[in-house]
């Protein structure tokens, strides 16, 4: 059973890697085209484009690297899952805050659904990952 739980956590981490790689790619290489779907009029100014690449693309690239690290260093899978659960949880919480403050649109609900389902997968993988029993040192 532990093997199935471990593979579930790895598959979810691979899912995280793919999502974050895609988002990093989009925001680093095509930032203006990506935000236009949100109705943001992109001016193409150097500062605005750099902001999207650095702040948004950089964060997603960092999350992709975290997911990759968790996959290639098995001892760090749980730590990487924690980072991803916290990061994605902040995204979902801020999406909900934005909906509460700014109002709801069909696009916001779609984004919330996608982010929320991903977050639930990440939490499930963190919970499902088999834990090893701590070793206690013999008292002297």
N, C-alpha and C. Protein backbone atom coordinates (compact mmCIF):
# COMPACT_ATOMS: atom_id res chain seq x y z
N UNK A 1 0.81 -1.20 0.00
CA UNK A 1 0.00 0.00 0.00
C UNK A 1 0.86 1.27 0.00
N UNK A 2 1.98 1.21 0.74
CA UNK A 2 2.86 2.38 0.77
C UNK A 2 3.43 2.70 -0.60
N UNK A 3 3.67 1.67 -1.40
CA UNK A 3 4.20 1.90 -2.75
C UNK A 3 3.20 2.65 -3.61
N UNK A 4 1.93 2.30 -3.52
CA UNK A 4 0.90 3.00 -4.30
C UNK A 4 0.78 4.45 -3.84
N UNK A 5 0.86 4.68 -2.53
CA UNK A 5 0.77 6.04 -2.01
C UNK A 5 1.97 6.88 -2.44
N UNK A 6 3.14 6.25 -2.45
CA UNK A 6 4.34 6.96 -2.89
C UNK A 6 4.24 7.32 -4.37
N UNK A 7 3.77 6.39 -5.19
CA UNK A 7 3.61 6.68 -6.62
C UNK A 7 2.55 7.74 -6.87
N UNK A 8 1.49 7.75 -6.06
CA UNK A 8 0.49 8.80 -6.19
C UNK A 8 1.13 10.17 -5.93
N UNK A 9 1.93 10.26 -4.86
CA UNK A 9 2.60 11.53 -4.54
C UNK A 9 3.54 11.94 -5.67
N UNK A 10 4.25 10.98 -6.24
CA UNK A 10 5.17 11.30 -7.35
C UNK A 10 4.42 11.75 -8.60
N UNK A 11 3.32 11.11 -8.89
CA UNK A 11 2.53 11.49 -10.07
C UNK A 11 1.96 12.90 -9.90
N UNK A 12 1.48 13.20 -8.70
CA UNK A 12 0.97 14.55 -8.43
C UNK A 12 2.11 15.57 -8.53
N UNK A 13 3.30 15.20 -8.08
CA UNK A 13 4.43 16.12 -8.19
C UNK A 13 4.81 16.33 -9.65
N UNK A 14 4.71 15.29 -10.46
CA UNK A 14 4.95 15.43 -11.90
C UNK A 14 3.90 16.37 -12.51
N UNK A 15 2.66 16.23 -12.09
CA UNK A 15 1.58 17.13 -12.52
C UNK A 15 1.94 18.57 -12.16
N UNK A 16 2.41 18.78 -10.93
CA UNK A 16 2.82 20.13 -10.51
C UNK A 16 3.96 20.64 -11.38
N UNK A 17 4.92 19.78 -11.66
CA UNK A 17 6.06 20.18 -12.50
C UNK A 17 5.58 20.63 -13.87
N UNK A 18 4.69 19.87 -14.47
CA UNK A 18 4.19 20.22 -15.80
C UNK A 18 3.40 21.53 -15.80
N UNK A 19 2.54 21.70 -14.81
CA UNK A 19 1.75 22.94 -14.72
C UNK A 19 2.66 24.14 -14.53
N UNK A 20 3.59 24.05 -13.58
CA UNK A 20 4.44 25.20 -13.29
C UNK A 20 5.42 25.48 -14.42
N UNK A 21 5.89 24.44 -15.11
CA UNK A 21 6.74 24.67 -16.30
C UNK A 21 5.97 25.40 -17.38
N UNK A 22 4.74 24.97 -17.61
CA UNK A 22 3.92 25.64 -18.62
C UNK A 22 3.69 27.11 -18.26
N UNK A 23 3.30 27.37 -17.02
CA UNK A 23 3.03 28.75 -16.60
C UNK A 23 4.30 29.60 -16.65
N UNK A 24 5.42 29.03 -16.24
CA UNK A 24 6.68 29.77 -16.32
C UNK A 24 7.01 30.09 -17.78
N UNK A 25 6.85 29.11 -18.65
CA UNK A 25 7.12 29.31 -20.08
C UNK A 25 6.25 30.44 -20.64
N UNK A 26 4.96 30.40 -20.33
CA UNK A 26 4.04 31.39 -20.86
C UNK A 26 4.38 32.79 -20.35
N UNK A 27 4.62 32.92 -19.05
CA UNK A 27 4.88 34.25 -18.49
C UNK A 27 6.27 34.77 -18.79
N UNK A 28 7.22 33.89 -19.03
CA UNK A 28 8.57 34.35 -19.34
C UNK A 28 8.71 34.67 -20.82
N UNK A 29 8.17 33.82 -21.69
CA UNK A 29 8.35 34.03 -23.12
C UNK A 29 7.23 34.82 -23.79
N UNK A 30 6.00 34.72 -23.29
CA UNK A 30 4.86 35.40 -23.91
C UNK A 30 3.98 36.08 -22.86
N UNK A 31 4.54 36.96 -22.06
CA UNK A 31 3.75 37.52 -20.95
C UNK A 31 2.56 38.37 -21.40
N UNK A 32 2.72 39.14 -22.44
CA UNK A 32 1.65 40.04 -22.85
C UNK A 32 0.46 39.29 -23.44
N UNK A 33 0.75 38.26 -24.24
CA UNK A 33 -0.34 37.48 -24.84
C UNK A 33 -1.14 36.74 -23.77
N UNK A 34 -0.47 36.29 -22.72
CA UNK A 34 -1.14 35.53 -21.69
C UNK A 34 -2.10 36.38 -20.87
N UNK A 35 -1.71 37.60 -20.55
CA UNK A 35 -2.60 38.40 -19.69
C UNK A 35 -3.75 39.03 -20.46
N UNK A 36 -3.68 39.06 -21.78
CA UNK A 36 -4.78 39.63 -22.57
C UNK A 36 -6.07 38.84 -22.40
N UNK A 37 -5.96 37.54 -22.10
CA UNK A 37 -7.17 36.74 -21.90
C UNK A 37 -7.93 37.15 -20.65
N UNK A 38 -7.27 37.89 -19.76
CA UNK A 38 -7.92 38.41 -18.56
C UNK A 38 -8.50 39.80 -18.79
N UNK A 39 -8.42 40.27 -20.01
CA UNK A 39 -8.97 41.58 -20.32
C UNK A 39 -8.04 42.72 -19.96
N UNK A 40 -6.77 42.41 -19.71
CA UNK A 40 -5.79 43.43 -19.37
C UNK A 40 -5.20 43.96 -20.67
N UNK A 41 -5.30 45.25 -20.85
CA UNK A 41 -4.73 45.87 -22.04
C UNK A 41 -3.23 46.01 -21.85
N UNK A 42 -2.48 45.25 -22.59
CA UNK A 42 -1.04 45.23 -22.44
C UNK A 42 -0.41 46.31 -23.32
N UNK A 43 0.34 47.20 -22.69
CA UNK A 43 0.97 48.28 -23.43
C UNK A 43 2.26 47.85 -24.10
N UNK A 44 2.88 46.81 -23.55
CA UNK A 44 4.14 46.37 -24.11
C UNK A 44 5.33 47.17 -23.62
N UNK A 45 5.12 48.01 -22.60
CA UNK A 45 6.25 48.78 -22.06
C UNK A 45 7.26 47.82 -21.46
N UNK A 46 8.50 48.21 -21.51
CA UNK A 46 9.58 47.38 -21.00
C UNK A 46 9.38 47.06 -19.52
N UNK A 47 8.99 48.04 -18.73
CA UNK A 47 8.81 47.83 -17.30
C UNK A 47 7.68 46.84 -17.01
N UNK A 48 6.57 46.97 -17.71
CA UNK A 48 5.43 46.09 -17.49
C UNK A 48 5.76 44.66 -17.90
N UNK A 49 6.41 44.50 -19.04
CA UNK A 49 6.79 43.18 -19.51
C UNK A 49 7.80 42.54 -18.55
N UNK A 50 8.75 43.33 -18.09
CA UNK A 50 9.73 42.82 -17.13
C UNK A 50 9.06 42.41 -15.82
N UNK A 51 8.08 43.19 -15.38
CA UNK A 51 7.34 42.86 -14.16
C UNK A 51 6.69 41.48 -14.28
N UNK A 52 6.02 41.24 -15.40
CA UNK A 52 5.37 39.95 -15.60
C UNK A 52 6.38 38.81 -15.65
N UNK A 53 7.47 39.03 -16.36
CA UNK A 53 8.49 37.97 -16.46
C UNK A 53 9.11 37.67 -15.11
N UNK A 54 9.48 38.71 -14.39
CA UNK A 54 10.20 38.53 -13.14
C UNK A 54 9.28 38.06 -12.02
N UNK A 55 8.21 38.80 -11.79
CA UNK A 55 7.35 38.50 -10.64
C UNK A 55 6.51 37.24 -10.85
N UNK A 56 5.85 37.13 -11.96
CA UNK A 56 4.97 35.98 -12.18
C UNK A 56 5.77 34.81 -12.76
N UNK A 57 6.48 35.04 -13.85
CA UNK A 57 7.25 33.97 -14.46
C UNK A 57 8.31 33.41 -13.53
N UNK A 58 8.97 34.29 -12.80
CA UNK A 58 10.00 33.84 -11.87
C UNK A 58 9.45 32.98 -10.75
N UNK A 59 8.30 33.36 -10.23
CA UNK A 59 7.69 32.54 -9.18
C UNK A 59 7.30 31.16 -9.69
N UNK A 60 6.70 31.10 -10.88
CA UNK A 60 6.33 29.81 -11.43
C UNK A 60 7.56 28.98 -11.80
N UNK A 61 8.61 29.61 -12.25
CA UNK A 61 9.85 28.89 -12.53
C UNK A 61 10.42 28.31 -11.24
N UNK A 62 10.39 29.09 -10.17
CA UNK A 62 10.84 28.60 -8.87
C UNK A 62 10.03 27.41 -8.40
N UNK A 63 8.71 27.44 -8.63
CA UNK A 63 7.87 26.32 -8.23
C UNK A 63 8.15 25.09 -9.10
N UNK A 64 8.44 25.30 -10.39
CA UNK A 64 8.80 24.18 -11.26
C UNK A 64 10.10 23.55 -10.79
N UNK A 65 11.06 24.37 -10.41
CA UNK A 65 12.33 23.84 -9.90
C UNK A 65 12.11 23.09 -8.60
N UNK A 66 11.24 23.60 -7.73
CA UNK A 66 10.92 22.90 -6.48
C UNK A 66 10.29 21.54 -6.76
N UNK A 67 9.36 21.49 -7.69
CA UNK A 67 8.72 20.21 -8.05
C UNK A 67 9.75 19.25 -8.64
N UNK A 68 10.61 19.76 -9.50
CA UNK A 68 11.65 18.91 -10.10
C UNK A 68 12.58 18.37 -9.01
N UNK A 69 12.97 19.23 -8.10
CA UNK A 69 13.85 18.82 -7.00
C UNK A 69 13.19 17.72 -6.16
N UNK A 70 11.91 17.87 -5.88
CA UNK A 70 11.19 16.85 -5.12
C UNK A 70 11.12 15.53 -5.84
N UNK A 71 11.10 15.57 -7.16
CA UNK A 71 11.06 14.33 -7.95
C UNK A 71 12.42 13.65 -8.04
N UNK A 72 13.48 14.41 -8.20
CA UNK A 72 14.80 13.79 -8.40
C UNK A 72 15.51 13.47 -7.09
N UNK A 73 15.11 14.09 -6.00
CA UNK A 73 15.69 13.79 -4.69
C UNK A 73 14.56 13.24 -3.81
N UNK A 74 14.36 11.93 -3.83
CA UNK A 74 13.22 11.34 -3.13
C UNK A 74 13.11 11.72 -1.66
N UNK A 75 14.24 11.94 -0.99
CA UNK A 75 14.21 12.31 0.42
C UNK A 75 13.60 13.70 0.63
N UNK A 76 13.50 14.49 -0.42
CA UNK A 76 12.97 15.85 -0.31
C UNK A 76 11.56 16.00 -0.91
N UNK A 77 10.94 14.89 -1.26
CA UNK A 77 9.61 14.95 -1.87
C UNK A 77 8.59 15.58 -0.94
N UNK A 78 8.60 15.21 0.33
CA UNK A 78 7.63 15.77 1.28
C UNK A 78 7.87 17.27 1.46
N UNK A 79 9.11 17.69 1.58
CA UNK A 79 9.41 19.12 1.73
C UNK A 79 8.94 19.91 0.50
N UNK A 80 9.19 19.36 -0.67
CA UNK A 80 8.75 20.02 -1.91
C UNK A 80 7.23 20.07 -1.98
N UNK A 81 6.56 19.01 -1.55
CA UNK A 81 5.10 19.02 -1.52
C UNK A 81 4.58 20.10 -0.57
N UNK A 82 5.21 20.25 0.58
CA UNK A 82 4.81 21.31 1.51
C UNK A 82 4.91 22.69 0.86
N UNK A 83 6.01 22.94 0.18
CA UNK A 83 6.19 24.24 -0.49
C UNK A 83 5.08 24.46 -1.51
N UNK A 84 4.79 23.44 -2.29
CA UNK A 84 3.78 23.57 -3.34
C UNK A 84 2.38 23.72 -2.74
N UNK A 85 2.08 22.98 -1.68
CA UNK A 85 0.78 23.12 -1.01
C UNK A 85 0.62 24.54 -0.47
N UNK A 86 1.65 25.06 0.17
CA UNK A 86 1.56 26.42 0.72
C UNK A 86 1.44 27.46 -0.38
N UNK A 87 2.26 27.35 -1.42
CA UNK A 87 2.24 28.30 -2.52
C UNK A 87 0.88 28.29 -3.21
N UNK A 88 0.41 27.11 -3.57
CA UNK A 88 -0.87 27.02 -4.28
C UNK A 88 -2.03 27.40 -3.37
N UNK A 89 -1.90 27.11 -2.08
CA UNK A 89 -2.93 27.54 -1.13
C UNK A 89 -3.04 29.05 -1.07
N UNK A 90 -1.91 29.74 -1.14
CA UNK A 90 -1.93 31.21 -1.19
C UNK A 90 -2.61 31.70 -2.46
N UNK A 91 -2.36 31.02 -3.56
CA UNK A 91 -2.99 31.41 -4.83
C UNK A 91 -4.51 31.27 -4.72
N UNK A 92 -4.97 30.15 -4.17
CA UNK A 92 -6.42 29.93 -4.03
C UNK A 92 -7.01 30.95 -3.07
N UNK A 93 -6.34 31.21 -1.96
CA UNK A 93 -6.85 32.18 -0.98
C UNK A 93 -6.94 33.58 -1.59
N UNK A 94 -5.94 33.96 -2.35
CA UNK A 94 -5.96 35.29 -2.97
C UNK A 94 -6.97 35.37 -4.10
N UNK A 95 -7.20 34.26 -4.78
CA UNK A 95 -8.26 34.23 -5.80
C UNK A 95 -9.61 34.48 -5.12
N UNK A 96 -9.85 33.82 -3.99
CA UNK A 96 -11.10 34.02 -3.25
C UNK A 96 -11.21 35.45 -2.73
N UNK A 97 -10.11 36.00 -2.24
CA UNK A 97 -10.12 37.40 -1.78
C UNK A 97 -10.45 38.34 -2.94
N UNK A 98 -9.84 38.09 -4.09
CA UNK A 98 -10.12 38.92 -5.26
C UNK A 98 -11.58 38.85 -5.68
N UNK A 99 -12.15 37.66 -5.62
CA UNK A 99 -13.56 37.50 -5.96
C UNK A 99 -14.43 38.25 -4.96
N UNK A 100 -14.06 38.18 -3.68
CA UNK A 100 -14.83 38.86 -2.64
C UNK A 100 -14.74 40.39 -2.78
N UNK A 101 -13.58 40.88 -3.12
CA UNK A 101 -13.38 42.34 -3.21
C UNK A 101 -13.83 42.89 -4.56
N UNK A 102 -13.43 42.22 -5.64
CA UNK A 102 -13.62 42.77 -6.98
C UNK A 102 -14.85 42.23 -7.70
N UNK A 103 -15.41 41.14 -7.20
CA UNK A 103 -16.55 40.54 -7.86
C UNK A 103 -16.15 39.31 -8.64
N UNK A 104 -17.15 38.59 -9.09
CA UNK A 104 -16.91 37.31 -9.75
C UNK A 104 -17.24 37.41 -11.23
N UNK A 105 -16.45 36.72 -12.03
CA UNK A 105 -16.71 36.59 -13.47
C UNK A 105 -16.58 35.11 -13.82
N UNK A 106 -17.09 34.72 -14.96
CA UNK A 106 -16.92 33.31 -15.36
C UNK A 106 -15.44 32.89 -15.45
N UNK A 107 -14.58 33.79 -15.91
CA UNK A 107 -13.16 33.46 -16.00
C UNK A 107 -12.56 33.25 -14.61
N UNK A 108 -12.95 34.11 -13.65
CA UNK A 108 -12.45 33.95 -12.29
C UNK A 108 -12.90 32.62 -11.69
N UNK A 109 -14.12 32.22 -11.96
CA UNK A 109 -14.61 30.94 -11.44
C UNK A 109 -13.87 29.77 -12.08
N UNK A 110 -13.58 29.87 -13.37
CA UNK A 110 -12.81 28.83 -14.05
C UNK A 110 -11.42 28.72 -13.45
N UNK A 111 -10.77 29.85 -13.25
CA UNK A 111 -9.43 29.85 -12.66
C UNK A 111 -9.47 29.29 -11.24
N UNK A 112 -10.48 29.68 -10.46
CA UNK A 112 -10.63 29.19 -9.09
C UNK A 112 -10.81 27.67 -9.08
N UNK A 113 -11.63 27.17 -10.00
CA UNK A 113 -11.85 25.73 -10.09
C UNK A 113 -10.53 25.00 -10.38
N UNK A 114 -9.79 25.48 -11.38
CA UNK A 114 -8.54 24.83 -11.76
C UNK A 114 -7.51 24.89 -10.63
N UNK A 115 -7.37 26.06 -10.02
CA UNK A 115 -6.41 26.21 -8.93
C UNK A 115 -6.83 25.41 -7.70
N UNK A 116 -8.13 25.41 -7.41
CA UNK A 116 -8.63 24.68 -6.25
C UNK A 116 -8.47 23.18 -6.39
N UNK A 117 -8.78 22.65 -7.56
CA UNK A 117 -8.62 21.21 -7.79
C UNK A 117 -7.15 20.83 -7.70
N UNK A 118 -6.28 21.64 -8.28
CA UNK A 118 -4.84 21.36 -8.18
C UNK A 118 -4.40 21.36 -6.73
N UNK A 119 -4.84 22.35 -5.97
CA UNK A 119 -4.47 22.42 -4.55
C UNK A 119 -4.94 21.18 -3.80
N UNK A 120 -6.15 20.72 -4.09
CA UNK A 120 -6.65 19.50 -3.44
C UNK A 120 -5.79 18.29 -3.79
N UNK A 121 -5.34 18.20 -5.04
CA UNK A 121 -4.43 17.11 -5.42
C UNK A 121 -3.12 17.20 -4.65
N UNK A 122 -2.58 18.42 -4.51
CA UNK A 122 -1.32 18.59 -3.80
C UNK A 122 -1.46 18.22 -2.33
N UNK A 123 -2.58 18.62 -1.71
CA UNK A 123 -2.82 18.27 -0.31
C UNK A 123 -2.99 16.75 -0.18
N UNK A 124 -3.73 16.15 -1.08
CA UNK A 124 -3.92 14.69 -1.04
C UNK A 124 -2.59 13.96 -1.17
N UNK A 125 -1.72 14.43 -2.04
CA UNK A 125 -0.40 13.80 -2.21
C UNK A 125 0.42 13.95 -0.94
N UNK A 126 0.35 15.11 -0.30
CA UNK A 126 1.09 15.32 0.94
C UNK A 126 0.59 14.39 2.03
N UNK A 127 -0.72 14.25 2.13
CA UNK A 127 -1.30 13.36 3.14
C UNK A 127 -1.01 11.90 2.82
N UNK A 128 -1.08 11.55 1.55
CA UNK A 128 -0.91 10.15 1.14
C UNK A 128 0.53 9.67 1.21
N UNK A 129 1.48 10.58 1.09
CA UNK A 129 2.89 10.17 1.07
C UNK A 129 3.20 9.37 2.33
N UNK A 130 3.73 8.16 2.16
CA UNK A 130 4.03 7.33 3.35
C UNK A 130 5.12 7.97 4.20
N UNK A 131 4.93 7.93 5.49
CA UNK A 131 5.90 8.48 6.42
C UNK A 131 6.75 7.35 6.98
N UNK A 132 8.01 7.66 7.15
CA UNK A 132 8.87 6.68 7.79
C UNK A 132 8.84 6.93 9.30
N UNK A 133 9.00 5.87 10.06
CA UNK A 133 9.00 6.01 11.52
C UNK A 133 10.32 6.60 11.96
N UNK A 134 10.27 7.57 12.87
CA UNK A 134 11.54 8.18 13.31
C UNK A 134 12.35 7.17 14.11
N UNK A 135 13.65 7.27 13.92
CA UNK A 135 14.54 6.40 14.68
C UNK A 135 14.94 7.14 15.95
N UNK A 136 14.84 6.43 17.07
CA UNK A 136 15.20 7.03 18.34
C UNK A 136 16.56 6.51 18.75
N UNK A 137 17.38 7.43 19.17
CA UNK A 137 18.72 7.06 19.63
C UNK A 137 18.60 6.38 20.99
N UNK A 138 19.40 5.38 21.17
CA UNK A 138 19.40 4.68 22.46
C UNK A 138 20.02 5.59 23.51
N UNK A 139 19.40 5.61 24.68
CA UNK A 139 19.95 6.46 25.74
C UNK A 139 21.20 5.82 26.31
N UNK A 140 22.13 6.71 26.65
CA UNK A 140 23.42 6.24 27.13
C UNK A 140 23.40 5.92 28.58
